[in-house]
Structures are given as structure tokens and as C-alpha cells.
């Protein structure tokens, strides 16, 4: 994940909160989880709360992995969407990102991305 790669260091897992993908089908959610397998770490469908319940949150708000969360999705057209998302490692290690995704040859690609906040 190229944005703020420092957050990726020694990550043991990537947790993706798919419940925030409001109009996504189970197949869509599975495709999202499959996409991140390329990082060769455990991929989980979890929220911060479920990670905490499983004892995976240390020092009140620190993770050994990353938590990815989709905050907002705006459909511009059938071939273009804008997503706002966050990448969380700890209270002092997190970023917000706005990405434009375009569909080309039946695949979604990131056409542009920018940081919207950093902690």
C-alpha cells in the first residue's frame, strides 16, 4: 500500500472493515479481501471493536497490523467512483485518503489518490 508506507512496517495482518461497504455484495467483499492477499500477511474482515474484543489492540489503540476502513463512497458514473478511506496502525499512526477509482477493461484501478488527514 503505497500511501504512508511507514505504517506497513512489520505488519502481521491487514484487517478490512467490510461492513462499511454499504452496497457491496458478499462477492464484492470477498474480492476486496482477496485483493490484499498480495501483501503476504493474514487478511481478516474485522473492525476496531472486533479486534479489541479478540485482544488484538495493544496499549489502548495500537495494532500489530493495519485496519483499513471505507468511510464514504461516491458513485460518479458506472465507471468511476470516489472513495474516502482510512489506514490505521495506532492513534499516532493513521492516515485518511481520498481515491478516484476508474473501471478499465472490467477492472477497477486507482486513477489518483491524496492524503486528506494524518495523525
PDB file of N, CA and C in Angstrom:
ATOM      1  N   UNK A   1       0.842  -1.162   0.000  1.00  0.00           N
ATOM      2  CA  UNK A   1       0.000   0.000   0.000  1.00  0.00           C
ATOM      3  C   UNK A   1       0.890   1.228   0.000  1.00  0.00           C
ATOM      4  N   UNK A   2       0.953   1.900  -1.112  1.00  0.00           N
ATOM      5  CA  UNK A   2       1.935   2.954  -1.292  1.00  0.00           C
ATOM      6  C   UNK A   2       1.737   4.208  -0.441  1.00  0.00           C
ATOM      7  N   UNK A   3       0.532   4.510   0.007  1.00  0.00           N
ATOM      8  CA  UNK A   3       0.346   5.733   0.786  1.00  0.00           C
ATOM      9  C   UNK A   3       0.776   5.488   2.222  1.00  0.00           C
ATOM     10  N   UNK A   4       1.714   6.314   2.691  1.00  0.00           N
ATOM     11  CA  UNK A   4       2.312   6.224   4.021  1.00  0.00           C
ATOM     12  C   UNK A   4       2.794   4.808   4.306  1.00  0.00           C
ATOM     13  N   UNK A   5       3.772   4.389   3.516  1.00  0.00           N
ATOM     14  CA  UNK A   5       4.295   3.026   3.624  1.00  0.00           C
ATOM     15  C   UNK A   5       4.898   2.727   4.984  1.00  0.00           C
ATOM     16  N   UNK A   6       5.278   3.759   5.738  1.00  0.00           N
ATOM     17  CA  UNK A   6       5.830   3.554   7.073  1.00  0.00           C
ATOM     18  C   UNK A   6       4.870   2.812   7.990  1.00  0.00           C
ATOM     19  N   UNK A   7       3.588   2.958   7.754  1.00  0.00           N
ATOM     20  CA  UNK A   7       2.598   2.245   8.569  1.00  0.00           C
ATOM     21  C   UNK A   7       2.607   0.745   8.293  1.00  0.00           C
ATOM     22  N   UNK A   8       3.171   0.343   7.166  1.00  0.00           N
ATOM     23  CA  UNK A   8       3.171  -1.068   6.762  1.00  0.00           C
ATOM     24  C   UNK A   8       4.240  -1.901   7.467  1.00  0.00           C
ATOM     25  N   UNK A   9       5.250  -1.262   8.045  1.00  0.00           N
ATOM     26  CA  UNK A   9       6.399  -1.966   8.597  1.00  0.00           C
ATOM     27  C   UNK A   9       6.026  -3.042   9.604  1.00  0.00           C
ATOM     28  N   UNK A  10       6.542  -4.240   9.405  1.00  0.00           N
ATOM     29  CA  UNK A  10       6.342  -5.374  10.310  1.00  0.00           C
ATOM     30  C   UNK A  10       4.874  -5.674  10.612  1.00  0.00           C
ATOM     31  N   UNK A  11       4.001  -5.360   9.675  1.00  0.00           N
ATOM     32  CA  UNK A  11       2.581  -5.655   9.922  1.00  0.00           C
ATOM     33  C   UNK A  11       2.368  -7.161   9.883  1.00  0.00           C
ATOM     34  N   UNK A  12       1.595  -7.647  10.827  1.00  0.00           N
ATOM     35  CA  UNK A  12       1.301  -9.074  10.915  1.00  0.00           C
ATOM     36  C   UNK A  12       0.015  -9.435  10.181  1.00  0.00           C
ATOM     37  N   UNK A  13      -0.842  -8.451   9.952  1.00  0.00           N
ATOM     38  CA  UNK A  13      -2.126  -8.709   9.303  1.00  0.00           C
ATOM     39  C   UNK A  13      -2.685  -7.420   8.716  1.00  0.00           C
ATOM     40  N   UNK A  14      -3.689  -7.582   7.876  1.00  0.00           N
ATOM     41  CA  UNK A  14      -4.496  -6.468   7.384  1.00  0.00           C
ATOM     42  C   UNK A  14      -5.939  -6.805   7.723  1.00  0.00           C
ATOM     43  N   UNK A  15      -6.550  -5.949   8.527  1.00  0.00           N
ATOM     44  CA  UNK A  15      -7.966  -6.099   8.856  1.00  0.00           C
ATOM     45  C   UNK A  15      -8.732  -5.092   8.009  1.00  0.00           C
ATOM     46  N   UNK A  16      -9.756  -5.565   7.352  1.00  0.00           N
ATOM     47  CA  UNK A  16     -10.567  -4.705   6.488  1.00  0.00           C
ATOM     48  C   UNK A  16     -11.992  -4.734   7.020  1.00  0.00           C
ATOM     49  N   UNK A  17     -12.515  -3.564   7.305  1.00  0.00           N
ATOM     50  CA  UNK A  17     -13.868  -3.462   7.849  1.00  0.00           C
ATOM     51  C   UNK A  17     -14.863  -3.427   6.693  1.00  0.00           C
ATOM     52  N   UNK A  18     -15.248  -4.608   6.207  1.00  0.00           N
ATOM     53  CA  UNK A  18     -16.124  -4.661   5.029  1.00  0.00           C
ATOM     54  C   UNK A  18     -17.564  -4.254   5.332  1.00  0.00           C
ATOM     55  N   UNK A  19     -17.951  -4.223   6.596  1.00  0.00           N
ATOM     56  CA  UNK A  19     -19.329  -3.830   6.913  1.00  0.00           C
ATOM     57  C   UNK A  19     -19.606  -2.383   6.536  1.00  0.00           C
ATOM     58  N   UNK A  20     -18.569  -1.580   6.314  1.00  0.00           N
ATOM     59  CA  UNK A  20     -18.775  -0.195   5.881  1.00  0.00           C
ATOM     60  C   UNK A  20     -19.027  -0.101   4.380  1.00  0.00           C
ATOM     61  N   UNK A  21     -18.925  -1.202   3.670  1.00  0.00           N
ATOM     62  CA  UNK A  21     -19.187  -1.228   2.225  1.00  0.00           C
ATOM     63  C   UNK A  21     -20.681  -1.454   2.017  1.00  0.00           C
ATOM     64  N   UNK A  22     -21.458  -0.400   2.167  1.00  0.00           N
ATOM     65  CA  UNK A  22     -22.916  -0.492   2.266  1.00  0.00           C
ATOM     66  C   UNK A  22     -23.608  -1.232   1.125  1.00  0.00           C
ATOM     67  N   UNK A  23     -23.267  -0.966  -0.102  1.00  0.00           N
ATOM     68  CA  UNK A  23     -23.972  -1.583  -1.229  1.00  0.00           C
ATOM     69  C   UNK A  23     -23.213  -2.748  -1.852  1.00  0.00           C
ATOM     70  N   UNK A  24     -22.174  -3.184  -1.182  1.00  0.00           N
ATOM     71  CA  UNK A  24     -21.366  -4.274  -1.720  1.00  0.00           C
ATOM     72  C   UNK A  24     -22.034  -5.619  -1.452  1.00  0.00           C
ATOM     73  N   UNK A  25     -21.932  -6.510  -2.421  1.00  0.00           N
ATOM     74  CA  UNK A  25     -22.425  -7.871  -2.242  1.00  0.00           C
ATOM     75  C   UNK A  25     -21.372  -8.675  -1.484  1.00  0.00           C
ATOM     76  N   UNK A  26     -21.745  -9.858  -1.034  1.00  0.00           N
ATOM     77  CA  UNK A  26     -20.766 -10.727  -0.379  1.00  0.00           C
ATOM     78  C   UNK A  26     -19.626 -11.056  -1.340  1.00  0.00           C
ATOM     79  N   UNK A  27     -19.947 -11.195  -2.610  1.00  0.00           N
ATOM     80  CA  UNK A  27     -18.925 -11.453  -3.626  1.00  0.00           C
ATOM     81  C   UNK A  27     -17.967 -10.268  -3.749  1.00  0.00           C
ATOM     82  N   UNK A  28     -18.505  -9.050  -3.714  1.00  0.00           N
ATOM     83  CA  UNK A  28     -17.669  -7.844  -3.764  1.00  0.00           C
ATOM     84  C   UNK A  28     -16.719  -7.807  -2.567  1.00  0.00           C
ATOM     85  N   UNK A  29     -17.256  -8.091  -1.390  1.00  0.00           N
ATOM     86  CA  UNK A  29     -16.446  -8.059  -0.173  1.00  0.00           C
ATOM     87  C   UNK A  29     -15.339  -9.109  -0.233  1.00  0.00           C
ATOM     88  N   UNK A  30     -15.684 -10.282  -0.747  1.00  0.00           N
ATOM     89  CA  UNK A  30     -14.684 -11.348  -0.884  1.00  0.00           C
ATOM     90  C   UNK A  30     -13.581 -10.919  -1.844  1.00  0.00           C
ATOM     91  N   UNK A  31     -13.944 -10.229  -2.923  1.00  0.00           N
ATOM     92  CA  UNK A  31     -12.956  -9.753  -3.894  1.00  0.00           C
ATOM     93  C   UNK A  31     -12.011  -8.742  -3.255  1.00  0.00           C
ATOM     94  N   UNK A  32     -12.536  -7.881  -2.393  1.00  0.00           N
ATOM     95  CA  UNK A  32     -11.696  -6.908  -1.687  1.00  0.00           C
ATOM     96  C   UNK A  32     -10.694  -7.640  -0.801  1.00  0.00           C
ATOM     97  N   UNK A  33     -11.168  -8.603  -0.032  1.00  0.00           N
ATOM     98  CA  UNK A  33     -10.282  -9.365   0.844  1.00  0.00           C
ATOM     99  C   UNK A  33      -9.227 -10.124   0.039  1.00  0.00           C
ATOM    100  N   UNK A  34      -9.627 -10.713  -1.069  1.00  0.00           N
ATOM    101  CA  UNK A  34      -8.693 -11.452  -1.930  1.00  0.00           C
ATOM    102  C   UNK A  34      -7.608 -10.538  -2.490  1.00  0.00           C
ATOM    103  N   UNK A  35      -7.971  -9.320  -2.871  1.00  0.00           N
ATOM    104  CA  UNK A  35      -7.022  -8.371  -3.461  1.00  0.00           C
ATOM    105  C   UNK A  35      -5.824  -8.138  -2.537  1.00  0.00           C
ATOM    106  N   UNK A  36      -6.062  -8.039  -1.243  1.00  0.00           N
ATOM    107  CA  UNK A  36      -4.994  -7.701  -0.305  1.00  0.00           C
ATOM    108  C   UNK A  36      -4.103  -8.883   0.056  1.00  0.00           C
ATOM    109  N   UNK A  37      -4.428 -10.081  -0.414  1.00  0.00           N
ATOM    110  CA  UNK A  37      -3.575 -11.243  -0.149  1.00  0.00           C
ATOM    111  C   UNK A  37      -2.189 -11.092  -0.761  1.00  0.00           C
ATOM    112  N   UNK A  38      -2.041 -10.192  -1.708  1.00  0.00           N
ATOM    113  CA  UNK A  38      -0.742  -9.982  -2.354  1.00  0.00           C
ATOM    114  C   UNK A  38       0.314  -9.454  -1.376  1.00  0.00           C
ATOM    115  N   UNK A  39      -0.100  -8.996  -0.205  1.00  0.00           N
ATOM    116  CA  UNK A  39       0.849  -8.478   0.784  1.00  0.00           C
ATOM    117  C   UNK A  39       1.417  -9.566   1.689  1.00  0.00           C
ATOM    118  N   UNK A  40       1.037 -10.815   1.469  1.00  0.00           N
ATOM    119  CA  UNK A  40       1.585 -11.971   2.194  1.00  0.00           C
ATOM    120  C   UNK A  40       1.486 -11.854   3.712  1.00  0.00           C
ATOM    121  N   UNK A  41       0.364 -11.336   4.187  1.00  0.00           N
ATOM    122  CA  UNK A  41       0.055 -11.338   5.615  1.00  0.00           C
ATOM    123  C   UNK A  41      -1.381 -11.846   5.758  1.00  0.00           C
ATOM    124  N   UNK A  42      -1.768 -12.156   6.970  1.00  0.00           N
ATOM    125  CA  UNK A  42      -3.136 -12.621   7.219  1.00  0.00           C
ATOM    126  C   UNK A  42      -4.119 -11.499   6.885  1.00  0.00           C
ATOM    127  N   UNK A  43      -5.189 -11.836   6.175  1.00  0.00           N
ATOM    128  CA  UNK A  43      -6.236 -10.881   5.812  1.00  0.00           C
ATOM    129  C   UNK A  43      -7.496 -11.254   6.589  1.00  0.00           C
ATOM    130  N   UNK A  44      -8.082 -10.249   7.264  1.00  0.00           N
ATOM    131  CA  UNK A  44      -9.254 -10.505   8.102  1.00  0.00           C
ATOM    132  C   UNK A  44     -10.343  -9.480   7.820  1.00  0.00           C
ATOM    133  N   UNK A  45     -11.573  -9.891   7.985  1.00  0.00           N
ATOM    134  CA  UNK A  45     -12.722  -8.991   7.907  1.00  0.00           C
ATOM    135  C   UNK A  45     -13.073  -8.627   9.346  1.00  0.00           C
ATOM    136  N   UNK A  46     -12.528  -7.517   9.830  1.00  0.00           N
ATOM    137  CA  UNK A  46     -12.697  -7.123  11.233  1.00  0.00           C
ATOM    138  C   UNK A  46     -12.826  -5.608  11.349  1.00  0.00           C
ATOM    139  N   UNK A  47     -13.438  -5.163  12.425  1.00  0.00           N
ATOM    140  CA  UNK A  47     -13.495  -3.746  12.782  1.00  0.00           C
ATOM    141  C   UNK A  47     -12.561  -3.524  13.974  1.00  0.00           C
ATOM    142  N   UNK A  48     -12.354  -2.274  14.349  1.00  0.00           N
ATOM    143  CA  UNK A  48     -11.538  -1.984  15.528  1.00  0.00           C
ATOM    144  C   UNK A  48     -12.146  -2.656  16.757  1.00  0.00           C
ATOM    145  N   UNK A  49     -13.461  -2.589  16.855  1.00  0.00           N
ATOM    146  CA  UNK A  49     -14.145  -3.159  18.012  1.00  0.00           C
ATOM    147  C   UNK A  49     -13.959  -4.675  18.089  1.00  0.00           C
ATOM    148  N   UNK A  50     -14.042  -5.361  16.946  1.00  0.00           N
ATOM    149  CA  UNK A  50     -13.870  -6.820  16.986  1.00  0.00           C
ATOM    150  C   UNK A  50     -12.410  -7.190  17.226  1.00  0.00           C
ATOM    151  N   UNK A  51     -11.483  -6.390  16.709  1.00  0.00           N
ATOM    152  CA  UNK A  51     -10.067  -6.628  17.014  1.00  0.00           C
ATOM    153  C   UNK A  51      -9.829  -6.471  18.516  1.00  0.00           C
ATOM    154  N   UNK A  52     -10.431  -5.443  19.091  1.00  0.00           N
ATOM    155  CA  UNK A  52     -10.288  -5.202  20.531  1.00  0.00           C
ATOM    156  C   UNK A  52     -10.876  -6.362  21.332  1.00  0.00           C
ATOM    157  N   UNK A  53     -12.046  -6.839  20.939  1.00  0.00           N
ATOM    158  CA  UNK A  53     -12.693  -7.957  21.634  1.00  0.00           C
ATOM    159  C   UNK A  53     -11.845  -9.226  21.570  1.00  0.00           C
ATOM    160  N   UNK A  54     -11.043  -9.364  20.522  1.00  0.00           N
ATOM    161  CA  UNK A  54     -10.178 -10.537  20.361  1.00  0.00           C
ATOM    162  C   UNK A  54      -8.811 -10.338  21.011  1.00  0.00           C
ATOM    163  N   UNK A  55      -8.615  -9.206  21.702  1.00  0.00           N
ATOM    164  CA  UNK A  55      -7.344  -8.942  22.375  1.00  0.00           C
ATOM    165  C   UNK A  55      -6.228  -8.531  21.434  1.00  0.00           C
ATOM    166  N   UNK A  56      -6.569  -8.028  20.267  1.00  0.00           N
ATOM    167  CA  UNK A  56      -5.561  -7.670  19.267  1.00  0.00           C
ATOM    168  C   UNK A  56      -5.205  -6.183  19.276  1.00  0.00           C
ATOM    169  N   UNK A  57      -5.800  -5.411  20.190  1.00  0.00           N
ATOM    170  CA  UNK A  57      -5.469  -3.994  20.338  1.00  0.00           C
ATOM    171  C   UNK A  57      -4.580  -3.867  21.566  1.00  0.00           C
ATOM    172  N   UNK A  58      -3.403  -3.258  21.377  1.00  0.00           N
ATOM    173  CA  UNK A  58      -2.447  -3.108  22.469  1.00  0.00           C
ATOM    174  C   UNK A  58      -2.391  -1.644  22.895  1.00  0.00           C
ATOM    175  N   UNK A  59      -2.056  -1.422  24.143  1.00  0.00           N
ATOM    176  CA  UNK A  59      -1.864  -0.060  24.660  1.00  0.00           C
ATOM    177  C   UNK A  59      -3.020   0.860  24.289  1.00  0.00           C
ATOM    178  N   UNK A  60      -4.218   0.384  24.421  1.00  0.00           N
ATOM    179  CA  UNK A  60      -5.472   1.104  24.166  1.00  0.00           C
ATOM    180  C   UNK A  60      -5.805   1.328  22.701  1.00  0.00           C
ATOM    181  N   UNK A  61      -4.809   1.593  21.831  1.00  0.00           N
ATOM    182  CA  UNK A  61      -5.154   1.866  20.428  1.00  0.00           C
ATOM    183  C   UNK A  61      -4.015   1.591  19.456  1.00  0.00           C
ATOM    184  N   UNK A  62      -3.290   0.527  19.673  1.00  0.00           N
ATOM    185  CA  UNK A  62      -2.171   0.182  18.801  1.00  0.00           C
ATOM    186  C   UNK A  62      -2.365  -1.236  18.255  1.00  0.00           C
ATOM    187  N   UNK A  63      -2.057  -1.412  16.978  1.00  0.00           N
ATOM    188  CA  UNK A  63      -2.226  -2.709  16.318  1.00  0.00           C
ATOM    189  C   UNK A  63      -0.890  -3.249  15.826  1.00  0.00           C
ATOM    190  N   UNK A  64      -0.788  -4.568  15.736  1.00  0.00           N
ATOM    191  CA  UNK A  64       0.368  -5.204  15.097  1.00  0.00           C
ATOM    192  C   UNK A  64       0.154  -5.322  13.594  1.00  0.00           C
ATOM    193  N   UNK A  65      -0.976  -4.872  13.135  1.00  0.00           N
ATOM    194  CA  UNK A  65      -1.308  -4.894  11.711  1.00  0.00           C
ATOM    195  C   UNK A  65      -1.943  -3.584  11.316  1.00  0.00           C
ATOM    196  N   UNK A  66      -2.664  -3.611  10.227  1.00  0.00           N
ATOM    197  CA  UNK A  66      -3.357  -2.426   9.723  1.00  0.00           C
ATOM    198  C   UNK A  66      -4.855  -2.661   9.735  1.00  0.00           C
ATOM    199  N   UNK A  67      -5.594  -1.586   9.973  1.00  0.00           N
ATOM    200  CA  UNK A  67      -7.043  -1.611   9.842  1.00  0.00           C
ATOM    201  C   UNK A  67      -7.407  -0.663   8.713  1.00  0.00           C
ATOM    202  N   UNK A  68      -8.037  -1.195   7.677  1.00  0.00           N
ATOM    203  CA  UNK A  68      -8.488  -0.390   6.544  1.00  0.00           C
ATOM    204  C   UNK A  68      -9.997  -0.245   6.641  1.00  0.00           C
ATOM    205  N   UNK A  69     -10.456   0.989   6.451  1.00  0.00           N
ATOM    206  CA  UNK A  69     -11.886   1.264   6.605  1.00  0.00           C
ATOM    207  C   UNK A  69     -12.345   2.210   5.510  1.00  0.00           C
ATOM    208  N   UNK A  70     -13.412   1.849   4.816  1.00  0.00           N
ATOM    209  CA  UNK A  70     -14.036   2.729   3.827  1.00  0.00           C
ATOM    210  C   UNK A  70     -15.020   3.613   4.584  1.00  0.00           C
ATOM    211  N   UNK A  71     -14.850   4.920   4.454  1.00  0.00           N
ATOM    212  CA  UNK A  71     -15.695   5.864   5.173  1.00  0.00           C
ATOM    213  C   UNK A  71     -16.850   6.343   4.306  1.00  0.00           C
ATOM    214  N   UNK A  72     -16.568   6.555   3.018  1.00  0.00           N
ATOM    215  CA  UNK A  72     -17.584   7.113   2.123  1.00  0.00           C
ATOM    216  C   UNK A  72     -17.293   6.672   0.695  1.00  0.00           C
ATOM    217  N   UNK A  73     -18.353   6.391  -0.064  1.00  0.00           N
ATOM    218  CA  UNK A  73     -18.230   6.053  -1.482  1.00  0.00           C
ATOM    219  C   UNK A  73     -19.196   6.936  -2.260  1.00  0.00           C
ATOM    220  N   UNK A  74     -18.668   7.659  -3.241  1.00  0.00           N
ATOM    221  CA  UNK A  74     -19.497   8.475  -4.129  1.00  0.00           C
ATOM    222  C   UNK A  74     -19.393   7.916  -5.537  1.00  0.00           C
ATOM    223  N   UNK A  75     -20.527   7.496  -6.077  1.00  0.00           N
ATOM    224  CA  UNK A  75     -20.545   6.983  -7.448  1.00  0.00           C
ATOM    225  C   UNK A  75     -20.682   8.167  -8.397  1.00  0.00           C
ATOM    226  N   UNK A  76     -19.684   8.364  -9.231  1.00  0.00           N
ATOM    227  CA  UNK A  76     -19.707   9.431 -10.220  1.00  0.00           C
ATOM    228  C   UNK A  76     -20.407   8.925 -11.482  1.00  0.00           C
ATOM    229  N   UNK A  77     -20.071   7.702 -11.867  1.00  0.00           N
ATOM    230  CA  UNK A  77     -20.690   7.051 -13.024  1.00  0.00           C
ATOM    231  C   UNK A  77     -20.521   5.545 -12.838  1.00  0.00           C
ATOM    232  N   UNK A  78     -20.976   4.759 -13.804  1.00  0.00           N
ATOM    233  CA  UNK A  78     -20.787   3.309 -13.721  1.00  0.00           C
ATOM    234  C   UNK A  78     -19.316   2.923 -13.796  1.00  0.00           C
ATOM    235  N   UNK A  79     -18.484   3.837 -14.276  1.00  0.00           N
ATOM    236  CA  UNK A  79     -17.063   3.544 -14.465  1.00  0.00           C
ATOM    237  C   UNK A  79     -16.140   4.393 -13.603  1.00  0.00           C
ATOM    238  N   UNK A  80     -16.696   5.156 -12.662  1.00  0.00           N
ATOM    239  CA  UNK A  80     -15.854   5.999 -11.814  1.00  0.00           C
ATOM    240  C   UNK A  80     -16.512   6.198 -10.452  1.00  0.00           C
ATOM    241  N   UNK A  81     -15.710   5.974  -9.396  1.00  0.00           N
ATOM    242  CA  UNK A  81     -16.171   6.232  -8.037  1.00  0.00           C
ATOM    243  C   UNK A  81     -15.069   6.949  -7.264  1.00  0.00           C
ATOM    244  N   UNK A  82     -15.478   7.653  -6.237  1.00  0.00           N
ATOM    245  CA  UNK A  82     -14.533   8.291  -5.320  1.00  0.00           C
ATOM    246  C   UNK A  82     -14.761   7.660  -3.952  1.00  0.00           C
ATOM    247  N   UNK A  83     -13.677   7.187  -3.346  1.00  0.00           N
ATOM    248  CA  UNK A  83     -13.804   6.616  -2.010  1.00  0.00           C
ATOM    249  C   UNK A  83     -12.948   7.412  -1.031  1.00  0.00           C
ATOM    250  N   UNK A  84     -13.456   7.538   0.168  1.00  0.00           N
ATOM    251  CA  UNK A  84     -12.692   8.101   1.269  1.00  0.00           C
ATOM    252  C   UNK A  84     -12.472   6.962   2.246  1.00  0.00           C
ATOM    253  N   UNK A  85     -11.224   6.754   2.624  1.00  0.00           N
ATOM    254  CA  UNK A  85     -10.902   5.621   3.473  1.00  0.00           C
ATOM    255  C   UNK A  85      -9.825   5.997   4.482  1.00  0.00           C
ATOM    256  N   UNK A  86      -9.599   5.105   5.432  1.00  0.00           N
ATOM    257  CA  UNK A  86      -8.543   5.331   6.410  1.00  0.00           C
ATOM    258  C   UNK A  86      -7.678   4.085   6.531  1.00  0.00           C
ATOM    259  N   UNK A  87      -6.445   4.345   6.911  1.00  0.00           N
ATOM    260  CA  UNK A  87      -5.445   3.303   7.143  1.00  0.00           C
ATOM    261  C   UNK A  87      -4.918   3.549   8.554  1.00  0.00           C
ATOM    262  N   UNK A  88      -5.208   2.622   9.476  1.00  0.00           N
ATOM    263  CA  UNK A  88      -4.934   2.827  10.899  1.00  0.00           C
ATOM    264  C   UNK A  88      -3.945   1.797  11.418  1.00  0.00           C
ATOM    265  N   UNK A  89      -2.939   2.271  12.135  1.00  0.00           N
ATOM    266  CA  UNK A  89      -1.996   1.397  12.836  1.00  0.00           C
ATOM    267  C   UNK A  89      -2.026   1.704  14.332  1.00  0.00           C
ATOM    268  N   UNK A  90      -2.161   2.998  14.664  1.00  0.00           N
ATOM    269  CA  UNK A  90      -2.262   3.429  16.062  1.00  0.00           C
ATOM    270  C   UNK A  90      -2.822   4.846  16.086  1.00  0.00           C
ATOM    271  N   UNK A  91      -3.061   5.348  17.291  1.00  0.00           N
ATOM    272  CA  UNK A  91      -3.569   6.703  17.420  1.00  0.00           C
ATOM    273  C   UNK A  91      -2.642   7.741  16.813  1.00  0.00           C
ATOM    274  N   UNK A  92      -1.355   7.446  16.799  1.00  0.00           N
ATOM    275  CA  UNK A  92      -0.377   8.363  16.205  1.00  0.00           C
ATOM    276  C   UNK A  92       0.160   7.839  14.881  1.00  0.00           C
ATOM    277  N   UNK A  93      -0.496   6.865  14.319  1.00  0.00           N
ATOM    278  CA  UNK A  93      -0.077   6.279  13.045  1.00  0.00           C
ATOM    279  C   UNK A  93      -1.283   5.916  12.209  1.00  0.00           C
ATOM    280  N   UNK A  94      -1.871   6.933  11.595  1.00  0.00           N
ATOM    281  CA  UNK A  94      -3.059   6.702  10.773  1.00  0.00           C
ATOM    282  C   UNK A  94      -3.148   7.797   9.717  1.00  0.00           C
ATOM    283  N   UNK A  95      -3.788   7.474   8.605  1.00  0.00           N
ATOM    284  CA  UNK A  95      -3.989   8.459   7.538  1.00  0.00           C
ATOM    285  C   UNK A  95      -5.385   8.294   6.948  1.00  0.00           C
ATOM    286  N   UNK A  96      -5.880   9.390   6.410  1.00  0.00           N
ATOM    287  CA  UNK A  96      -7.108   9.369   5.633  1.00  0.00           C
ATOM    288  C   UNK A  96      -6.748   9.612   4.184  1.00  0.00           C
ATOM    289  N   UNK A  97      -7.433   8.942   3.282  1.00  0.00           N
ATOM    290  CA  UNK A  97      -7.102   9.013   1.862  1.00  0.00           C
ATOM    291  C   UNK A  97      -8.382   9.144   1.046  1.00  0.00           C
ATOM    292  N   UNK A  98      -8.308   9.973   0.019  1.00  0.00           N
ATOM    293  CA  UNK A  98      -9.397  10.066  -0.959  1.00  0.00           C
ATOM    294  C   UNK A  98      -8.841   9.524  -2.269  1.00  0.00           C
ATOM    295  N   UNK A  99      -9.524   8.537  -2.851  1.00  0.00           N
ATOM    296  CA  UNK A  99      -9.070   7.896  -4.088  1.00  0.00           C
ATOM    297  C   UNK A  99     -10.147   7.986  -5.162  1.00  0.00           C
ATOM    298  N   UNK A 100      -9.703   8.203  -6.378  1.00  0.00           N
ATOM    299  CA  UNK A 100     -10.585   8.116  -7.535  1.00  0.00           C
ATOM    300  C   UNK A 100     -10.291   6.775  -8.198  1.00  0.00           C
ATOM    301  N   UNK A 101     -11.321   5.947  -8.335  1.00  0.00           N
ATOM    302  CA  UNK A 101     -11.186   4.646  -8.989  1.00  0.00           C
ATOM    303  C   UNK A 101     -11.923   4.686 -10.312  1.00  0.00           C
ATOM    304  N   UNK A 102     -11.262   4.167 -11.340  1.00  0.00           N
ATOM    305  CA  UNK A 102     -11.883   4.098 -12.664  1.00  0.00           C
ATOM    306  C   UNK A 102     -11.876   2.654 -13.134  1.00  0.00           C
ATOM    307  N   UNK A 103     -12.953   2.289 -13.813  1.00  0.00           N
ATOM    308  CA  UNK A 103     -13.074   0.931 -14.335  1.00  0.00           C
ATOM    309  C   UNK A 103     -12.539   0.910 -15.759  1.00  0.00           C
ATOM    310  N   UNK A 104     -11.522   0.073 -15.961  1.00  0.00           N
ATOM    311  CA  UNK A 104     -10.922  -0.095 -17.283  1.00  0.00           C
ATOM    312  C   UNK A 104     -10.779  -1.580 -17.560  1.00  0.00           C
ATOM    313  N   UNK A 105     -11.303  -2.024 -18.677  1.00  0.00           N
ATOM    314  CA  UNK A 105     -11.251  -3.444 -19.041  1.00  0.00           C
ATOM    315  C   UNK A 105     -11.814  -4.333 -17.933  1.00  0.00           C
ATOM    316  N   UNK A 106     -12.947  -3.921 -17.373  1.00  0.00           N
ATOM    317  CA  UNK A 106     -13.638  -4.659 -16.311  1.00  0.00           C
ATOM    318  C   UNK A 106     -12.851  -4.779 -15.012  1.00  0.00           C
ATOM    319  N   UNK A 107     -11.842  -3.926 -14.803  1.00  0.00           N
ATOM    320  CA  UNK A 107     -11.078  -3.921 -13.558  1.00  0.00           C
ATOM    321  C   UNK A 107     -11.040  -2.501 -13.025  1.00  0.00           C
ATOM    322  N   UNK A 108     -11.168  -2.367 -11.711  1.00  0.00           N
ATOM    323  CA  UNK A 108     -11.065  -1.060 -11.077  1.00  0.00           C
ATOM    324  C   UNK A 108      -9.597  -0.744 -10.817  1.00  0.00           C
ATOM    325  N   UNK A 109      -9.181   0.451 -11.206  1.00  0.00           N
ATOM    326  CA  UNK A 109      -7.809   0.897 -10.947  1.00  0.00           C
ATOM    327  C   UNK A 109      -7.866   2.236 -10.217  1.00  0.00           C
ATOM    328  N   UNK A 110      -6.841   2.499  -9.417  1.00  0.00           N
ATOM    329  CA  UNK A 110      -6.741   3.789  -8.735  1.00  0.00           C
ATOM    330  C   UNK A 110      -6.185   4.787  -9.730  1.00  0.00           C
ATOM    331  N   UNK A 111      -6.998   5.771 -10.079  1.00  0.00           N
ATOM    332  CA  UNK A 111      -6.559   6.781 -11.034  1.00  0.00           C
ATOM    333  C   UNK A 111      -5.821   7.913 -10.332  1.00  0.00           C
ATOM    334  N   UNK A 112      -6.219   8.227  -9.085  1.00  0.00           N
ATOM    335  CA  UNK A 112      -5.497   9.226  -8.290  1.00  0.00           C
ATOM    336  C   UNK A 112      -5.819   9.009  -6.820  1.00  0.00           C
ATOM    337  N   UNK A 113      -4.918   9.476  -5.966  1.00  0.00           N
ATOM    338  CA  UNK A 113      -5.163   9.398  -4.525  1.00  0.00           C
ATOM    339  C   UNK A 113      -4.445  10.546  -3.838  1.00  0.00           C
ATOM    340  N   UNK A 114      -5.026  10.994  -2.741  1.00  0.00           N
ATOM    341  CA  UNK A 114      -4.397  12.073  -1.981  1.00  0.00           C
ATOM    342  C   UNK A 114      -4.693  11.902  -0.499  1.00  0.00           C
ATOM    343  N   UNK A 115      -3.734  12.291   0.329  1.00  0.00           N
ATOM    344  CA  UNK A 115      -3.944  12.278   1.772  1.00  0.00           C
ATOM    345  C   UNK A 115      -4.940  13.364   2.136  1.00  0.00           C
ATOM    346  N   UNK A 116      -5.864  13.052   3.019  1.00  0.00           N
ATOM    347  CA  UNK A 116      -6.818  14.058   3.485  1.00  0.00           C
ATOM    348  C   UNK A 116      -6.560  14.433   4.941  1.00  0.00           C
ATOM    349  N   UNK A 117      -5.926  13.544   5.690  1.00  0.00           N
ATOM    350  CA  UNK A 117      -5.514  13.838   7.063  1.00  0.00           C
ATOM    351  C   UNK A 117      -4.438  12.844   7.480  1.00  0.00           C
ATOM    352  N   UNK A 118      -3.715  13.192   8.528  1.00  0.00           N
ATOM    353  CA  UNK A 118      -2.654  12.334   9.052  1.00  0.00           C
ATOM    354  C   UNK A 118      -2.577  12.530  10.566  1.00  0.00           C
ATOM    355  N   UNK A 119      -2.296  11.445  11.281  1.00  0.00           N
ATOM    356  CA  UNK A 119      -2.115  11.581  12.737  1.00  0.00           C
ATOM    357  C   UNK A 119      -0.775  10.994  13.135  1.00  0.00           C
TER     358      UNK A 119
END
